[in-house]
Amino acid sequence: MSYSVEHLAGEDIILARFNGEADLPALKEFLYEIVRLAVETGCMHILTDLCEAELRVSVADLYYLPNTIAHEVKRTGGNIYRLKRAFVVSKNDEIWNFYEDVSANRSFSTKKFHDIESAKRWLLSE
C-alpha cells in the first residue's frame, strides 16, 4: 500500500492517489492526511484517484466511512459541507456506486468518475 496527497495550488485541488491494498485502517490513514491538508490549505476541492486501489473493506465499512470523514473534518476545524470530493475509479464497481449514494444521502458533495479530467471539471464547476 502506498499513497500520495498533494495540494495543486494552481488548480485549487488536493490530489490524492492510493495504490495497492486498501483495507479500513489504510483508508482511514489516507483520509486523515487528505483532511489535514485540505484544512491546512483551505482547499476544498478533493480529487481522489483510486484506480490502482484494491479495495478490501466491507459494505458496512463503506457505509460508515463518510461519517468518519465528517468527524475528522469537524475535529480539525473544517466544514464537511464546504468539501467537494470527486473520486476516480477504473471500473464501474457497484461498491463505488453504493459509496456515492451513501455520501449523497448525507448531503455531502461527492461524485464518482472514470477519468481524471471529468472529475477536475466537475470539482471546479459551481
N, C-alpha and C. Protein backbone atom coordinates (compact mmCIF):
# COMPACT_ATOMS: atom_id res chain seq x y z
N MET A 1 0.84 -1.17 0.00
CA MET A 1 0.00 0.00 0.00
C MET A 1 0.89 1.24 0.00
N SER A 2 0.53 2.18 -0.83
CA SER A 2 1.18 3.48 -0.81
C SER A 2 0.18 4.53 -1.25
N TYR A 3 0.42 5.74 -0.82
CA TYR A 3 -0.45 6.83 -1.25
C TYR A 3 0.33 8.13 -1.28
N SER A 4 -0.25 9.09 -2.00
CA SER A 4 0.32 10.43 -2.02
C SER A 4 -0.83 11.42 -1.92
N VAL A 5 -0.56 12.53 -1.27
CA VAL A 5 -1.54 13.60 -1.11
C VAL A 5 -0.79 14.91 -1.32
N GLU A 6 -1.24 15.69 -2.30
CA GLU A 6 -0.57 16.96 -2.58
C GLU A 6 -1.58 18.04 -2.93
N HIS A 7 -1.18 19.28 -2.64
CA HIS A 7 -2.02 20.44 -2.97
C HIS A 7 -1.53 21.01 -4.29
N LEU A 8 -2.41 21.01 -5.28
CA LEU A 8 -2.10 21.62 -6.57
C LEU A 8 -2.66 23.03 -6.53
N ALA A 9 -1.87 23.94 -5.97
CA ALA A 9 -2.35 25.31 -5.71
C ALA A 9 -2.83 26.00 -6.98
N GLY A 10 -2.13 25.80 -8.10
CA GLY A 10 -2.51 26.44 -9.34
C GLY A 10 -3.86 25.99 -9.87
N GLU A 11 -4.27 24.79 -9.46
CA GLU A 11 -5.57 24.26 -9.89
C GLU A 11 -6.61 24.30 -8.78
N ASP A 12 -6.21 24.69 -7.58
CA ASP A 12 -7.09 24.72 -6.41
C ASP A 12 -7.71 23.34 -6.14
N ILE A 13 -6.84 22.33 -6.15
CA ILE A 13 -7.27 20.94 -5.95
C ILE A 13 -6.28 20.25 -5.01
N ILE A 14 -6.81 19.41 -4.14
CA ILE A 14 -6.00 18.45 -3.40
C ILE A 14 -6.06 17.16 -4.23
N LEU A 15 -4.92 16.68 -4.69
CA LEU A 15 -4.85 15.45 -5.46
C LEU A 15 -4.32 14.34 -4.56
N ALA A 16 -5.12 13.30 -4.40
CA ALA A 16 -4.74 12.17 -3.56
C ALA A 16 -4.81 10.89 -4.39
N ARG A 17 -3.76 10.09 -4.30
CA ARG A 17 -3.71 8.83 -5.04
C ARG A 17 -3.42 7.69 -4.07
N PHE A 18 -4.15 6.60 -4.26
CA PHE A 18 -3.94 5.40 -3.43
C PHE A 18 -3.60 4.24 -4.35
N ASN A 19 -2.55 3.50 -4.00
CA ASN A 19 -2.13 2.33 -4.76
C ASN A 19 -2.04 1.13 -3.83
N GLY A 20 -2.52 -0.01 -4.29
CA GLY A 20 -2.38 -1.24 -3.53
C GLY A 20 -3.58 -1.55 -2.67
N GLU A 21 -3.35 -2.45 -1.72
CA GLU A 21 -4.42 -2.96 -0.87
C GLU A 21 -4.97 -1.87 0.04
N ALA A 22 -6.28 -1.66 -0.04
CA ALA A 22 -6.95 -0.60 0.72
C ALA A 22 -7.89 -1.23 1.74
N ASP A 23 -7.34 -1.58 2.89
CA ASP A 23 -8.19 -2.04 3.98
C ASP A 23 -8.65 -0.82 4.79
N LEU A 24 -9.50 -1.02 5.77
CA LEU A 24 -10.07 0.11 6.51
C LEU A 24 -9.02 0.95 7.23
N PRO A 25 -8.08 0.37 7.96
CA PRO A 25 -7.06 1.22 8.61
C PRO A 25 -6.26 2.04 7.61
N ALA A 26 -5.90 1.46 6.47
CA ALA A 26 -5.14 2.19 5.45
C ALA A 26 -5.97 3.32 4.86
N LEU A 27 -7.24 3.06 4.58
CA LEU A 27 -8.11 4.11 4.04
C LEU A 27 -8.29 5.25 5.04
N LYS A 28 -8.45 4.93 6.31
CA LYS A 28 -8.60 5.98 7.32
C LYS A 28 -7.34 6.83 7.41
N GLU A 29 -6.17 6.21 7.40
CA GLU A 29 -4.91 6.96 7.44
C GLU A 29 -4.83 7.90 6.23
N PHE A 30 -5.17 7.38 5.07
CA PHE A 30 -5.19 8.14 3.83
C PHE A 30 -6.16 9.32 3.93
N LEU A 31 -7.36 9.06 4.40
CA LEU A 31 -8.37 10.11 4.52
C LEU A 31 -7.98 11.17 5.53
N TYR A 32 -7.39 10.78 6.63
CA TYR A 32 -6.95 11.76 7.63
C TYR A 32 -5.91 12.70 7.04
N GLU A 33 -5.01 12.17 6.21
CA GLU A 33 -3.99 13.00 5.57
C GLU A 33 -4.64 13.98 4.59
N ILE A 34 -5.63 13.51 3.84
CA ILE A 34 -6.35 14.38 2.91
C ILE A 34 -7.03 15.51 3.67
N VAL A 35 -7.75 15.18 4.73
CA VAL A 35 -8.47 16.18 5.52
C VAL A 35 -7.49 17.17 6.13
N ARG A 36 -6.38 16.68 6.66
CA ARG A 36 -5.39 17.57 7.27
C ARG A 36 -4.90 18.61 6.26
N LEU A 37 -4.57 18.16 5.07
CA LEU A 37 -4.06 19.07 4.05
C LEU A 37 -5.15 20.03 3.56
N ALA A 38 -6.37 19.54 3.42
CA ALA A 38 -7.47 20.40 2.98
C ALA A 38 -7.71 21.52 3.99
N VAL A 39 -7.76 21.18 5.26
CA VAL A 39 -7.99 22.19 6.29
C VAL A 39 -6.80 23.14 6.38
N GLU A 40 -5.59 22.60 6.32
CA GLU A 40 -4.37 23.41 6.40
C GLU A 40 -4.28 24.42 5.25
N THR A 41 -4.63 24.01 4.04
CA THR A 41 -4.50 24.88 2.87
C THR A 41 -5.77 25.68 2.57
N GLY A 42 -6.89 25.26 3.14
CA GLY A 42 -8.16 25.89 2.83
C GLY A 42 -8.72 25.47 1.48
N CYS A 43 -8.11 24.48 0.86
CA CYS A 43 -8.56 23.96 -0.44
C CYS A 43 -9.66 22.94 -0.21
N MET A 44 -10.82 23.19 -0.77
CA MET A 44 -11.97 22.33 -0.51
C MET A 44 -12.34 21.43 -1.69
N HIS A 45 -11.49 21.39 -2.72
CA HIS A 45 -11.72 20.51 -3.88
C HIS A 45 -10.79 19.31 -3.77
N ILE A 46 -11.37 18.14 -3.53
CA ILE A 46 -10.57 16.93 -3.30
C ILE A 46 -10.77 15.97 -4.47
N LEU A 47 -9.68 15.63 -5.13
CA LEU A 47 -9.69 14.65 -6.22
C LEU A 47 -8.93 13.42 -5.76
N THR A 48 -9.62 12.31 -5.62
CA THR A 48 -9.01 11.09 -5.12
C THR A 48 -8.98 10.05 -6.23
N ASP A 49 -7.79 9.64 -6.60
CA ASP A 49 -7.59 8.64 -7.65
C ASP A 49 -7.45 7.27 -6.99
N LEU A 50 -8.46 6.43 -7.21
CA LEU A 50 -8.48 5.10 -6.62
C LEU A 50 -8.35 4.01 -7.69
N CYS A 51 -7.89 4.38 -8.88
CA CYS A 51 -7.80 3.42 -9.98
C CYS A 51 -6.87 2.25 -9.68
N GLU A 52 -5.85 2.49 -8.89
CA GLU A 52 -4.88 1.44 -8.57
C GLU A 52 -5.11 0.84 -7.17
N ALA A 53 -6.20 1.20 -6.54
CA ALA A 53 -6.51 0.67 -5.20
C ALA A 53 -7.21 -0.68 -5.32
N GLU A 54 -6.86 -1.58 -4.43
CA GLU A 54 -7.51 -2.89 -4.33
C GLU A 54 -8.34 -2.86 -3.05
N LEU A 55 -9.61 -2.57 -3.19
CA LEU A 55 -10.50 -2.37 -2.05
C LEU A 55 -10.68 -3.65 -1.24
N ARG A 56 -10.42 -3.56 0.06
CA ARG A 56 -10.53 -4.69 0.97
C ARG A 56 -11.36 -4.29 2.19
N VAL A 57 -12.53 -3.73 1.93
CA VAL A 57 -13.42 -3.31 3.02
C VAL A 57 -14.81 -3.87 2.76
N SER A 58 -15.58 -3.94 3.82
CA SER A 58 -16.95 -4.44 3.71
C SER A 58 -17.89 -3.31 3.31
N VAL A 59 -19.07 -3.68 2.92
CA VAL A 59 -20.11 -2.69 2.61
C VAL A 59 -20.40 -1.86 3.85
N ALA A 60 -20.42 -2.50 5.01
CA ALA A 60 -20.66 -1.76 6.27
C ALA A 60 -19.56 -0.73 6.51
N ASP A 61 -18.31 -1.09 6.24
CA ASP A 61 -17.21 -0.13 6.39
C ASP A 61 -17.44 1.08 5.50
N LEU A 62 -17.83 0.85 4.26
CA LEU A 62 -18.06 1.96 3.34
C LEU A 62 -19.27 2.79 3.74
N TYR A 63 -20.25 2.13 4.35
CA TYR A 63 -21.44 2.85 4.81
C TYR A 63 -21.06 3.90 5.87
N TYR A 64 -20.14 3.56 6.76
CA TYR A 64 -19.76 4.47 7.84
C TYR A 64 -18.61 5.41 7.48
N LEU A 65 -17.92 5.16 6.38
CA LEU A 65 -16.76 5.97 6.02
C LEU A 65 -17.08 7.45 5.81
N PRO A 66 -18.19 7.83 5.17
CA PRO A 66 -18.49 9.27 5.06
C PRO A 66 -18.63 9.95 6.42
N ASN A 67 -19.20 9.26 7.40
CA ASN A 67 -19.30 9.83 8.75
C ASN A 67 -17.93 9.98 9.39
N THR A 68 -17.04 9.02 9.15
CA THR A 68 -15.67 9.10 9.66
C THR A 68 -14.98 10.34 9.10
N ILE A 69 -15.16 10.56 7.81
CA ILE A 69 -14.58 11.75 7.17
C ILE A 69 -15.16 13.01 7.79
N ALA A 70 -16.47 13.06 7.94
CA ALA A 70 -17.13 14.24 8.51
C ALA A 70 -16.63 14.54 9.92
N HIS A 71 -16.47 13.50 10.73
CA HIS A 71 -15.97 13.70 12.10
C HIS A 71 -14.54 14.24 12.09
N GLU A 72 -13.71 13.73 11.19
CA GLU A 72 -12.32 14.19 11.12
C GLU A 72 -12.26 15.64 10.64
N VAL A 73 -13.08 15.99 9.66
CA VAL A 73 -13.12 17.37 9.19
C VAL A 73 -13.53 18.30 10.33
N LYS A 74 -14.56 17.93 11.06
CA LYS A 74 -15.03 18.76 12.18
C LYS A 74 -13.96 18.85 13.26
N ARG A 75 -13.30 17.73 13.56
CA ARG A 75 -12.26 17.70 14.60
C ARG A 75 -11.11 18.64 14.27
N THR A 76 -10.80 18.78 12.98
CA THR A 76 -9.68 19.62 12.57
C THR A 76 -10.10 21.06 12.26
N GLY A 77 -11.36 21.38 12.52
CA GLY A 77 -11.81 22.76 12.36
C GLY A 77 -12.41 23.09 11.01
N GLY A 78 -12.65 22.09 10.18
CA GLY A 78 -13.23 22.32 8.86
C GLY A 78 -14.74 22.13 8.86
N ASN A 79 -15.32 22.30 7.69
CA ASN A 79 -16.75 22.14 7.50
C ASN A 79 -16.96 21.15 6.35
N ILE A 80 -17.51 19.98 6.65
CA ILE A 80 -17.69 18.93 5.66
C ILE A 80 -18.55 19.40 4.49
N TYR A 81 -19.46 20.32 4.73
CA TYR A 81 -20.37 20.77 3.67
C TYR A 81 -19.69 21.74 2.70
N ARG A 82 -18.49 22.18 3.01
CA ARG A 82 -17.70 23.01 2.07
C ARG A 82 -16.83 22.16 1.17
N LEU A 83 -16.60 20.89 1.56
CA LEU A 83 -15.77 20.00 0.74
C LEU A 83 -16.54 19.52 -0.48
N LYS A 84 -15.85 19.47 -1.59
CA LYS A 84 -16.38 18.89 -2.82
C LYS A 84 -15.39 17.80 -3.20
N ARG A 85 -15.86 16.54 -3.21
CA ARG A 85 -14.97 15.41 -3.39
C ARG A 85 -15.33 14.60 -4.63
N ALA A 86 -14.36 14.47 -5.53
CA ALA A 86 -14.51 13.60 -6.70
C ALA A 86 -13.57 12.42 -6.51
N PHE A 87 -14.06 11.23 -6.80
CA PHE A 87 -13.17 10.09 -6.76
C PHE A 87 -13.24 9.36 -8.10
N VAL A 88 -12.05 8.94 -8.53
CA VAL A 88 -11.90 8.30 -9.84
C VAL A 88 -11.60 6.82 -9.61
N VAL A 89 -12.39 5.98 -10.25
CA VAL A 89 -12.21 4.52 -10.16
C VAL A 89 -12.06 3.97 -11.57
N SER A 90 -11.43 2.82 -11.70
CA SER A 90 -11.13 2.27 -13.01
C SER A 90 -12.28 1.49 -13.62
N LYS A 91 -13.18 1.00 -12.80
CA LYS A 91 -14.28 0.22 -13.33
C LYS A 91 -15.57 0.59 -12.61
N ASN A 92 -16.67 0.24 -13.21
CA ASN A 92 -17.96 0.57 -12.63
C ASN A 92 -18.37 -0.52 -11.64
N ASP A 93 -17.74 -0.48 -10.50
CA ASP A 93 -17.99 -1.46 -9.46
C ASP A 93 -19.17 -0.98 -8.60
N GLU A 94 -20.09 -1.85 -8.32
CA GLU A 94 -21.28 -1.49 -7.55
C GLU A 94 -20.94 -0.91 -6.18
N ILE A 95 -19.84 -1.33 -5.60
CA ILE A 95 -19.47 -0.82 -4.27
C ILE A 95 -19.22 0.68 -4.31
N TRP A 96 -18.67 1.19 -5.42
CA TRP A 96 -18.43 2.62 -5.54
C TRP A 96 -19.73 3.38 -5.75
N ASN A 97 -20.67 2.77 -6.46
CA ASN A 97 -21.99 3.38 -6.61
C ASN A 97 -22.66 3.50 -5.24
N PHE A 98 -22.51 2.45 -4.44
CA PHE A 98 -23.06 2.46 -3.08
C PHE A 98 -22.44 3.60 -2.26
N TYR A 99 -21.11 3.73 -2.32
CA TYR A 99 -20.43 4.79 -1.56
C TYR A 99 -20.90 6.17 -2.00
N GLU A 100 -21.04 6.36 -3.29
CA GLU A 100 -21.52 7.65 -3.81
C GLU A 100 -22.93 7.94 -3.29
N ASP A 101 -23.79 6.93 -3.29
CA ASP A 101 -25.16 7.11 -2.80
C ASP A 101 -25.20 7.42 -1.30
N VAL A 102 -24.39 6.70 -0.53
CA VAL A 102 -24.34 6.93 0.92
C VAL A 102 -23.89 8.36 1.21
N SER A 103 -22.88 8.81 0.49
CA SER A 103 -22.39 10.18 0.67
C SER A 103 -23.47 11.20 0.31
N ALA A 104 -24.14 10.98 -0.81
CA ALA A 104 -25.21 11.89 -1.24
C ALA A 104 -26.36 11.91 -0.23
N ASN A 105 -26.68 10.77 0.34
CA ASN A 105 -27.75 10.70 1.34
C ASN A 105 -27.42 11.49 2.60
N ARG A 106 -26.15 11.76 2.81
CA ARG A 106 -25.72 12.56 3.96
C ARG A 106 -25.49 14.02 3.55
N SER A 107 -25.90 14.36 2.33
CA SER A 107 -25.78 15.72 1.77
C SER A 107 -24.34 16.16 1.58
N PHE A 108 -23.43 15.19 1.37
CA PHE A 108 -22.04 15.51 1.09
C PHE A 108 -21.88 15.60 -0.43
N SER A 109 -21.08 16.53 -0.87
CA SER A 109 -20.84 16.74 -2.29
C SER A 109 -19.74 15.79 -2.75
N THR A 110 -20.15 14.60 -3.19
CA THR A 110 -19.23 13.54 -3.59
C THR A 110 -19.74 12.90 -4.87
N LYS A 111 -18.83 12.70 -5.83
CA LYS A 111 -19.25 12.11 -7.10
C LYS A 111 -18.15 11.21 -7.64
N LYS A 112 -18.58 10.10 -8.28
CA LYS A 112 -17.67 9.11 -8.85
C LYS A 112 -17.44 9.40 -10.34
N PHE A 113 -16.20 9.17 -10.77
CA PHE A 113 -15.82 9.34 -12.18
C PHE A 113 -14.93 8.19 -12.61
N HIS A 114 -14.75 8.09 -13.94
CA HIS A 114 -13.86 7.09 -14.50
C HIS A 114 -12.63 7.71 -15.16
N ASP A 115 -12.57 9.05 -15.17
CA ASP A 115 -11.37 9.70 -15.69
C ASP A 115 -11.11 11.01 -14.92
N ILE A 116 -9.85 11.35 -14.83
CA ILE A 116 -9.41 12.48 -14.01
C ILE A 116 -9.90 13.82 -14.57
N GLU A 117 -9.87 13.99 -15.86
CA GLU A 117 -10.26 15.28 -16.44
C GLU A 117 -11.73 15.60 -16.18
N SER A 118 -12.61 14.62 -16.29
CA SER A 118 -14.03 14.85 -15.97
C SER A 118 -14.20 15.19 -14.50
N ALA A 119 -13.45 14.52 -13.66
CA ALA A 119 -13.52 14.79 -12.21
C ALA A 119 -13.06 16.22 -11.92
N LYS A 120 -11.98 16.66 -12.56
CA LYS A 120 -11.49 18.03 -12.35
C LYS A 120 -12.52 19.05 -12.81
N ARG A 121 -13.12 18.83 -13.97
CA ARG A 121 -14.13 19.78 -14.47
C ARG A 121 -15.28 19.90 -13.49
N TRP A 122 -15.75 18.78 -12.98
CA TRP A 122 -16.86 18.80 -12.01
C TRP A 122 -16.43 19.53 -10.72
N LEU A 123 -15.24 19.22 -10.22
CA LEU A 123 -14.76 19.84 -8.99
C LEU A 123 -14.72 21.36 -9.09
N LEU A 124 -14.30 21.86 -10.23
CA LEU A 124 -14.09 23.29 -10.39
C LEU A 124 -15.33 24.02 -10.94
N SER A 125 -16.40 23.27 -11.20
CA SER A 125 -17.65 23.89 -11.62
C SER A 125 -18.38 24.43 -10.40
N GLU A 126 -19.26 25.34 -10.61
CA GLU A 126 -20.02 25.91 -9.48
C GLU A 126 -21.12 25.02 -9.05
